[in-house]
Every structure is written in C-alpha cells, then in structure tokens.
Amino acid sequence: MTPTFRGAGLHLAVDWTACTAHGLCAELLPERVTLDEWGYPLVEGAPVPDEAVRRAKKAAADCPVLALKLLRKKA
C-alpha cells in the first residue's frame, strides 16, 4: 500500500544562518533528522509523511533558535 501525504509537499529545511547545533531537532524527530559530526542537523529533501507532520511542526516550533522550518515545496 502506497502511503498518502496529507501534507504533500511539506519538507524540512534548516536556516543555516540561525542554527547553532543544539541538536534538539534530532531528538524530537530522529527518523527525519540526523546530526553531522559537529552536531548540525542533516535533513533529507523527501516530503514529510502524514504520520510525522504533527511532530515535525512541533520540532520546528521547539527549536531554540527557530532554525528548523517546515516548508511547502513550490511546484
């Protein structure tokens, strides 16, 4: 069964000018965010699936410097 994406086109992005490598995003959303060797987040460009949209929004809102963003990809 192919998953459906209610939030089709929503993806995670990092504002690199704001990020200070707290790593909270990786703790809150470990299946979507990993950390590099310096503690900065790595996010893939794939759409966030339905079951993760709510947690992705929370992770973005809980980022201490609001560097994690949940954006809609433009067509």
PDB file of N, CA and C in Angstrom:
ATOM      1  N   MET A   1       0.850  -1.186   0.000  1.00  0.00           N
ATOM      2  CA  MET A   1       0.000   0.000   0.000  1.00  0.00           C
ATOM      3  C   MET A   1       0.889   1.239   0.000  1.00  0.00           C
ATOM      4  N   THR A   2       0.651   2.149  -0.914  1.00  0.00           N
ATOM      5  CA  THR A   2       1.420   3.383  -1.017  1.00  0.00           C
ATOM      6  C   THR A   2       0.894   4.390  -0.011  1.00  0.00           C
ATOM      7  N   PRO A   3       1.771   5.001   0.807  1.00  0.00           N
ATOM      8  CA  PRO A   3       1.296   5.983   1.780  1.00  0.00           C
ATOM      9  C   PRO A   3       0.794   7.237   1.089  1.00  0.00           C
ATOM     10  N   THR A   4      -0.211   7.869   1.691  1.00  0.00           N
ATOM     11  CA  THR A   4      -0.703   9.143   1.178  1.00  0.00           C
ATOM     12  C   THR A   4      -0.101  10.253   2.022  1.00  0.00           C
ATOM     13  N   PHE A   5       0.004  11.411   1.436  1.00  0.00           N
ATOM     14  CA  PHE A   5       0.618  12.530   2.136  1.00  0.00           C
ATOM     15  C   PHE A   5      -0.361  13.689   2.212  1.00  0.00           C
ATOM     16  N   ARG A   6      -1.006  13.830   3.370  1.00  0.00           N
ATOM     17  CA  ARG A   6      -1.936  14.936   3.587  1.00  0.00           C
ATOM     18  C   ARG A   6      -1.197  16.243   3.401  1.00  0.00           C
ATOM     19  N   GLY A   7       0.027  16.293   3.882  1.00  0.00           N
ATOM     20  CA  GLY A   7       0.832  17.493   3.773  1.00  0.00           C
ATOM     21  C   GLY A   7       1.759  17.418   2.586  1.00  0.00           C
ATOM     22  N   ALA A   8       1.308  16.778   1.502  1.00  0.00           N
ATOM     23  CA  ALA A   8       2.164  16.582   0.327  1.00  0.00           C
ATOM     24  C   ALA A   8       2.883  17.870  -0.012  1.00  0.00           C
ATOM     25  N   GLY A   9       4.167  17.752  -0.164  1.00  0.00           N
ATOM     26  CA  GLY A   9       4.974  18.915  -0.487  1.00  0.00           C
ATOM     27  C   GLY A   9       5.618  19.550   0.727  1.00  0.00           C
ATOM     28  N   LEU A  10       5.215  19.168   1.940  1.00  0.00           N
ATOM     29  CA  LEU A  10       5.860  19.707   3.133  1.00  0.00           C
ATOM     30  C   LEU A  10       7.196  19.008   3.326  1.00  0.00           C
ATOM     31  N   HIS A  11       8.219  19.796   3.586  1.00  0.00           N
ATOM     32  CA  HIS A  11       9.535  19.212   3.823  1.00  0.00           C
ATOM     33  C   HIS A  11      10.264  20.038   4.878  1.00  0.00           C
ATOM     34  N   LEU A  12      11.245  19.425   5.483  1.00  0.00           N
ATOM     35  CA  LEU A  12      12.043  20.107   6.495  1.00  0.00           C
ATOM     36  C   LEU A  12      13.201  20.845   5.835  1.00  0.00           C
ATOM     37  N   ALA A  13      13.528  21.988   6.391  1.00  0.00           N
ATOM     38  CA  ALA A  13      14.672  22.768   5.927  1.00  0.00           C
ATOM     39  C   ALA A  13      15.332  23.391   7.143  1.00  0.00           C
ATOM     40  N   VAL A  14      16.595  23.732   7.002  1.00  0.00           N
ATOM     41  CA  VAL A  14      17.347  24.348   8.097  1.00  0.00           C
ATOM     42  C   VAL A  14      17.814  25.727   7.663  1.00  0.00           C
ATOM     43  N   ASP A  15      17.579  26.713   8.508  1.00  0.00           N
ATOM     44  CA  ASP A  15      18.112  28.062   8.289  1.00  0.00           C
ATOM     45  C   ASP A  15      19.522  28.058   8.862  1.00  0.00           C
ATOM     46  N   TRP A  16      20.505  27.904   7.984  1.00  0.00           N
ATOM     47  CA  TRP A  16      21.890  27.744   8.428  1.00  0.00           C
ATOM     48  C   TRP A  16      22.448  28.990   9.096  1.00  0.00           C
ATOM     49  N   THR A  17      21.889  30.156   8.828  1.00  0.00           N
ATOM     50  CA  THR A  17      22.371  31.367   9.486  1.00  0.00           C
ATOM     51  C   THR A  17      21.905  31.436  10.936  1.00  0.00           C
ATOM     52  N   ALA A  18      20.832  30.718  11.261  1.00  0.00           N
ATOM     53  CA  ALA A  18      20.290  30.727  12.620  1.00  0.00           C
ATOM     54  C   ALA A  18      20.729  29.524  13.448  1.00  0.00           C
ATOM     55  N   CYS A  19      20.993  28.389  12.808  1.00  0.00           N
ATOM     56  CA  CYS A  19      21.276  27.144  13.521  1.00  0.00           C
ATOM     57  C   CYS A  19      22.564  27.255  14.343  1.00  0.00           C
ATOM     58  N   THR A  20      22.467  26.808  15.589  1.00  0.00           N
ATOM     59  CA  THR A  20      23.637  26.796  16.476  1.00  0.00           C
ATOM     60  C   THR A  20      23.927  25.396  17.010  1.00  0.00           C
ATOM     61  N   ALA A  21      23.392  24.386  16.351  1.00  0.00           N
ATOM     62  CA  ALA A  21      23.692  22.980  16.625  1.00  0.00           C
ATOM     63  C   ALA A  21      23.306  22.518  18.029  1.00  0.00           C
ATOM     64  N   HIS A  22      22.112  22.888  18.473  1.00  0.00           N
ATOM     65  CA  HIS A  22      21.620  22.370  19.752  1.00  0.00           C
ATOM     66  C   HIS A  22      21.313  20.878  19.662  1.00  0.00           C
ATOM     67  N   GLY A  23      20.825  20.426  18.498  1.00  0.00           N
ATOM     68  CA  GLY A  23      20.527  19.005  18.301  1.00  0.00           C
ATOM     69  C   GLY A  23      19.160  18.573  18.774  1.00  0.00           C
ATOM     70  N   LEU A  24      18.351  19.479  19.271  1.00  0.00           N
ATOM     71  CA  LEU A  24      17.024  19.120  19.763  1.00  0.00           C
ATOM     72  C   LEU A  24      16.151  18.551  18.644  1.00  0.00           C
ATOM     73  N   CYS A  25      16.308  19.060  17.435  1.00  0.00           N
ATOM     74  CA  CYS A  25      15.503  18.570  16.305  1.00  0.00           C
ATOM     75  C   CYS A  25      15.730  17.079  16.073  1.00  0.00           C
ATOM     76  N   ALA A  26      16.961  16.631  16.212  1.00  0.00           N
ATOM     77  CA  ALA A  26      17.270  15.208  16.023  1.00  0.00           C
ATOM     78  C   ALA A  26      16.691  14.364  17.156  1.00  0.00           C
ATOM     79  N   GLU A  27      16.583  14.930  18.342  1.00  0.00           N
ATOM     80  CA  GLU A  27      15.969  14.212  19.457  1.00  0.00           C
ATOM     81  C   GLU A  27      14.461  14.091  19.263  1.00  0.00           C
ATOM     82  N   LEU A  28      13.839  15.155  18.753  1.00  0.00           N
ATOM     83  CA  LEU A  28      12.390  15.172  18.591  1.00  0.00           C
ATOM     84  C   LEU A  28      11.913  14.433  17.349  1.00  0.00           C
ATOM     85  N   LEU A  29      12.760  14.360  16.327  1.00  0.00           N
ATOM     86  CA  LEU A  29      12.355  13.762  15.059  1.00  0.00           C
ATOM     87  C   LEU A  29      13.498  12.920  14.490  1.00  0.00           C
ATOM     88  N   PRO A  30      13.914  11.895  15.223  1.00  0.00           N
ATOM     89  CA  PRO A  30      15.108  11.145  14.834  1.00  0.00           C
ATOM     90  C   PRO A  30      15.010  10.408  13.502  1.00  0.00           C
ATOM     91  N   GLU A  31      13.807  10.084  13.068  1.00  0.00           N
ATOM     92  CA  GLU A  31      13.673   9.381  11.789  1.00  0.00           C
ATOM     93  C   GLU A  31      13.778  10.326  10.593  1.00  0.00           C
ATOM     94  N   ARG A  32      13.747  11.629  10.831  1.00  0.00           N
ATOM     95  CA  ARG A  32      13.833  12.613   9.747  1.00  0.00           C
ATOM     96  C   ARG A  32      15.074  13.498   9.839  1.00  0.00           C
ATOM     97  N   VAL A  33      15.681  13.596  11.017  1.00  0.00           N
ATOM     98  CA  VAL A  33      16.821  14.496  11.227  1.00  0.00           C
ATOM     99  C   VAL A  33      17.964  13.723  11.876  1.00  0.00           C
ATOM    100  N   THR A  34      19.134  13.803  11.290  1.00  0.00           N
ATOM    101  CA  THR A  34      20.339  13.253  11.902  1.00  0.00           C
ATOM    102  C   THR A  34      21.316  14.405  12.096  1.00  0.00           C
ATOM    103  N   LEU A  35      22.361  14.147  12.843  1.00  0.00           N
ATOM    104  CA  LEU A  35      23.350  15.196  13.098  1.00  0.00           C
ATOM    105  C   LEU A  35      24.668  14.850  12.426  1.00  0.00           C
ATOM    106  N   ASP A  36      25.350  15.876  11.932  1.00  0.00           N
ATOM    107  CA  ASP A  36      26.668  15.643  11.351  1.00  0.00           C
ATOM    108  C   ASP A  36      27.701  15.573  12.475  1.00  0.00           C
ATOM    109  N   GLU A  37      28.945  15.448  12.124  1.00  0.00           N
ATOM    110  CA  GLU A  37      29.987  15.266  13.143  1.00  0.00           C
ATOM    111  C   GLU A  37      30.161  16.467  14.065  1.00  0.00           C
ATOM    112  N   TRP A  38      29.646  17.631  13.691  1.00  0.00           N
ATOM    113  CA  TRP A  38      29.735  18.839  14.520  1.00  0.00           C
ATOM    114  C   TRP A  38      28.442  19.128  15.258  1.00  0.00           C
ATOM    115  N   GLY A  39      27.437  18.257  15.073  1.00  0.00           N
ATOM    116  CA  GLY A  39      26.168  18.422  15.759  1.00  0.00           C
ATOM    117  C   GLY A  39      25.125  19.209  14.993  1.00  0.00           C
ATOM    118  N   TYR A  40      25.414  19.551  13.735  1.00  0.00           N
ATOM    119  CA  TYR A  40      24.436  20.270  12.918  1.00  0.00           C
ATOM    120  C   TYR A  40      23.479  19.284  12.251  1.00  0.00           C
ATOM    121  N   PRO A  41      22.220  19.696  12.087  1.00  0.00           N
ATOM    122  CA  PRO A  41      21.220  18.776  11.543  1.00  0.00           C
ATOM    123  C   PRO A  41      21.386  18.523  10.046  1.00  0.00           C
ATOM    124  N   LEU A  42      21.081  17.291   9.672  1.00  0.00           N
ATOM    125  CA  LEU A  42      21.016  16.894   8.272  1.00  0.00           C
ATOM    126  C   LEU A  42      19.590  16.433   8.024  1.00  0.00           C
ATOM    127  N   VAL A  43      18.936  17.033   7.039  1.00  0.00           N
ATOM    128  CA  VAL A  43      17.566  16.643   6.692  1.00  0.00           C
ATOM    129  C   VAL A  43      17.531  16.258   5.225  1.00  0.00           C
ATOM    130  N   GLU A  44      16.715  15.259   4.923  1.00  0.00           N
ATOM    131  CA  GLU A  44      16.575  14.851   3.535  1.00  0.00           C
ATOM    132  C   GLU A  44      15.481  15.699   2.896  1.00  0.00           C
ATOM    133  N   GLY A  45      15.467  15.751   1.604  1.00  0.00           N
ATOM    134  CA  GLY A  45      14.505  16.578   0.896  1.00  0.00           C
ATOM    135  C   GLY A  45      13.163  15.934   0.644  1.00  0.00           C
ATOM    136  N   ALA A  46      12.988  14.689   1.075  1.00  0.00           N
ATOM    137  CA  ALA A  46      11.731  13.978   0.834  1.00  0.00           C
ATOM    138  C   ALA A  46      10.589  14.621   1.611  1.00  0.00           C
ATOM    139  N   PRO A  47       9.378  14.536   1.072  1.00  0.00           N
ATOM    140  CA  PRO A  47       8.219  15.073   1.796  1.00  0.00           C
ATOM    141  C   PRO A  47       8.049  14.387   3.152  1.00  0.00           C
ATOM    142  N   VAL A  48       7.545  15.132   4.097  1.00  0.00           N
ATOM    143  CA  VAL A  48       7.268  14.588   5.423  1.00  0.00           C
ATOM    144  C   VAL A  48       5.945  13.820   5.344  1.00  0.00           C
ATOM    145  N   PRO A  49       5.927  12.540   5.717  1.00  0.00           N
ATOM    146  CA  PRO A  49       4.687  11.753   5.642  1.00  0.00           C
ATOM    147  C   PRO A  49       3.653  12.213   6.669  1.00  0.00           C
ATOM    148  N   ASP A  50       2.395  11.908   6.383  1.00  0.00           N
ATOM    149  CA  ASP A  50       1.282  12.315   7.251  1.00  0.00           C
ATOM    150  C   ASP A  50       1.542  12.058   8.723  1.00  0.00           C
ATOM    151  N   GLU A  51       1.990  10.842   9.019  1.00  0.00           N
ATOM    152  CA  GLU A  51       2.136  10.472  10.432  1.00  0.00           C
ATOM    153  C   GLU A  51       3.236  11.253  11.144  1.00  0.00           C
ATOM    154  N   ALA A  52       4.065  11.976  10.416  1.00  0.00           N
ATOM    155  CA  ALA A  52       5.146  12.741  11.030  1.00  0.00           C
ATOM    156  C   ALA A  52       4.932  14.252  10.962  1.00  0.00           C
ATOM    157  N   VAL A  53       3.879  14.716  10.278  1.00  0.00           N
ATOM    158  CA  VAL A  53       3.676  16.165  10.102  1.00  0.00           C
ATOM    159  C   VAL A  53       3.503  16.869  11.443  1.00  0.00           C
ATOM    160  N   ARG A  54       2.675  16.316  12.315  1.00  0.00           N
ATOM    161  CA  ARG A  54       2.432  16.975  13.606  1.00  0.00           C
ATOM    162  C   ARG A  54       3.720  17.068  14.429  1.00  0.00           C
ATOM    163  N   ARG A  55       4.495  15.990  14.455  1.00  0.00           N
ATOM    164  CA  ARG A  55       5.748  16.005  15.209  1.00  0.00           C
ATOM    165  C   ARG A  55       6.782  16.908  14.545  1.00  0.00           C
ATOM    166  N   ALA A  56       6.755  16.997  13.218  1.00  0.00           N
ATOM    167  CA  ALA A  56       7.670  17.892  12.504  1.00  0.00           C
ATOM    168  C   ALA A  56       7.353  19.348  12.838  1.00  0.00           C
ATOM    169  N   LYS A  57       6.063  19.678  12.917  1.00  0.00           N
ATOM    170  CA  LYS A  57       5.663  21.037  13.295  1.00  0.00           C
ATOM    171  C   LYS A  57       6.128  21.353  14.712  1.00  0.00           C
ATOM    172  N   LYS A  58       5.991  20.375  15.602  1.00  0.00           N
ATOM    173  CA  LYS A  58       6.428  20.579  16.995  1.00  0.00           C
ATOM    174  C   LYS A  58       7.943  20.746  17.062  1.00  0.00           C
ATOM    175  N   ALA A  59       8.671  19.929  16.321  1.00  0.00           N
ATOM    176  CA  ALA A  59      10.134  20.043  16.321  1.00  0.00           C
ATOM    177  C   ALA A  59      10.570  21.421  15.821  1.00  0.00           C
ATOM    178  N   ALA A  60       9.920  21.903  14.767  1.00  0.00           N
ATOM    179  CA  ALA A  60      10.252  23.232  14.233  1.00  0.00           C
ATOM    180  C   ALA A  60       9.924  24.317  15.263  1.00  0.00           C
ATOM    181  N   ALA A  61       8.783  24.188  15.924  1.00  0.00           N
ATOM    182  CA  ALA A  61       8.382  25.191  16.922  1.00  0.00           C
ATOM    183  C   ALA A  61       9.265  25.144  18.160  1.00  0.00           C
ATOM    184  N   ASP A  62       9.781  23.969  18.504  1.00  0.00           N
ATOM    185  CA  ASP A  62      10.597  23.816  19.714  1.00  0.00           C
ATOM    186  C   ASP A  62      12.079  24.109  19.503  1.00  0.00           C
ATOM    187  N   CYS A  63      12.503  24.322  18.259  1.00  0.00           N
ATOM    188  CA  CYS A  63      13.907  24.647  18.002  1.00  0.00           C
ATOM    189  C   CYS A  63      14.269  25.909  18.778  1.00  0.00           C
ATOM    190  N   PRO A  64      15.322  25.869  19.601  1.00  0.00           N
ATOM    191  CA  PRO A  64      15.674  27.021  20.438  1.00  0.00           C
ATOM    192  C   PRO A  64      15.932  28.314  19.659  1.00  0.00           C
ATOM    193  N   VAL A  65      16.371  28.193  18.418  1.00  0.00           N
ATOM    194  CA  VAL A  65      16.660  29.394  17.623  1.00  0.00           C
ATOM    195  C   VAL A  65      15.766  29.468  16.377  1.00  0.00           C
ATOM    196  N   LEU A  66      14.738  28.605  16.331  1.00  0.00           N
ATOM    197  CA  LEU A  66      13.782  28.548  15.225  1.00  0.00           C
ATOM    198  C   LEU A  66      14.467  28.380  13.865  1.00  0.00           C
ATOM    199  N   ALA A  67      15.518  27.571  13.842  1.00  0.00           N
ATOM    200  CA  ALA A  67      16.254  27.327  12.601  1.00  0.00           C
ATOM    201  C   ALA A  67      15.645  26.197  11.777  1.00  0.00           C
ATOM    202  N   LEU A  68      14.886  25.310  12.417  1.00  0.00           N
ATOM    203  CA  LEU A  68      14.241  24.223  11.687  1.00  0.00           C
ATOM    204  C   LEU A  68      12.906  24.729  11.155  1.00  0.00           C
ATOM    205  N   LYS A  69      12.687  24.522   9.869  1.00  0.00           N
ATOM    206  CA  LYS A  69      11.476  25.018   9.211  1.00  0.00           C
ATOM    207  C   LYS A  69      10.742  23.864   8.548  1.00  0.00           C
ATOM    208  N   LEU A  70       9.436  23.947   8.544  1.00  0.00           N
ATOM    209  CA  LEU A  70       8.591  23.021   7.801  1.00  0.00           C
ATOM    210  C   LEU A  70       7.969  23.844   6.693  1.00  0.00           C
ATOM    211  N   LEU A  71       8.411  23.603   5.472  1.00  0.00           N
ATOM    212  CA  LEU A  71       8.010  24.422   4.331  1.00  0.00           C
ATOM    213  C   LEU A  71       7.266  23.609   3.288  1.00  0.00           C
ATOM    214  N   ARG A  72       6.461  24.275   2.513  1.00  0.00           N
ATOM    215  CA  ARG A  72       5.779  23.643   1.391  1.00  0.00           C
ATOM    216  C   ARG A  72       6.624  23.891   0.155  1.00  0.00           C
ATOM    217  N   LYS A  73       6.996  22.809  -0.518  1.00  0.00           N
ATOM    218  CA  LYS A  73       7.785  22.943  -1.745  1.00  0.00           C
ATOM    219  C   LYS A  73       6.938  23.582  -2.816  1.00  0.00           C
ATOM    220  N   LYS A  74       7.538  24.490  -3.529  1.00  0.00           N
ATOM    221  CA  LYS A  74       6.827  25.133  -4.638  1.00  0.00           C
ATOM    222  C   LYS A  74       6.868  24.244  -5.853  1.00  0.00           C
ATOM    223  N   ALA A  75       5.757  24.203  -6.562  1.00  0.00           N
ATOM    224  CA  ALA A  75       5.655  23.350  -7.754  1.00  0.00           C
ATOM    225  C   ALA A  75       6.540  23.823  -8.874  1.00  0.00           C
TER     226      ALA A  75
END
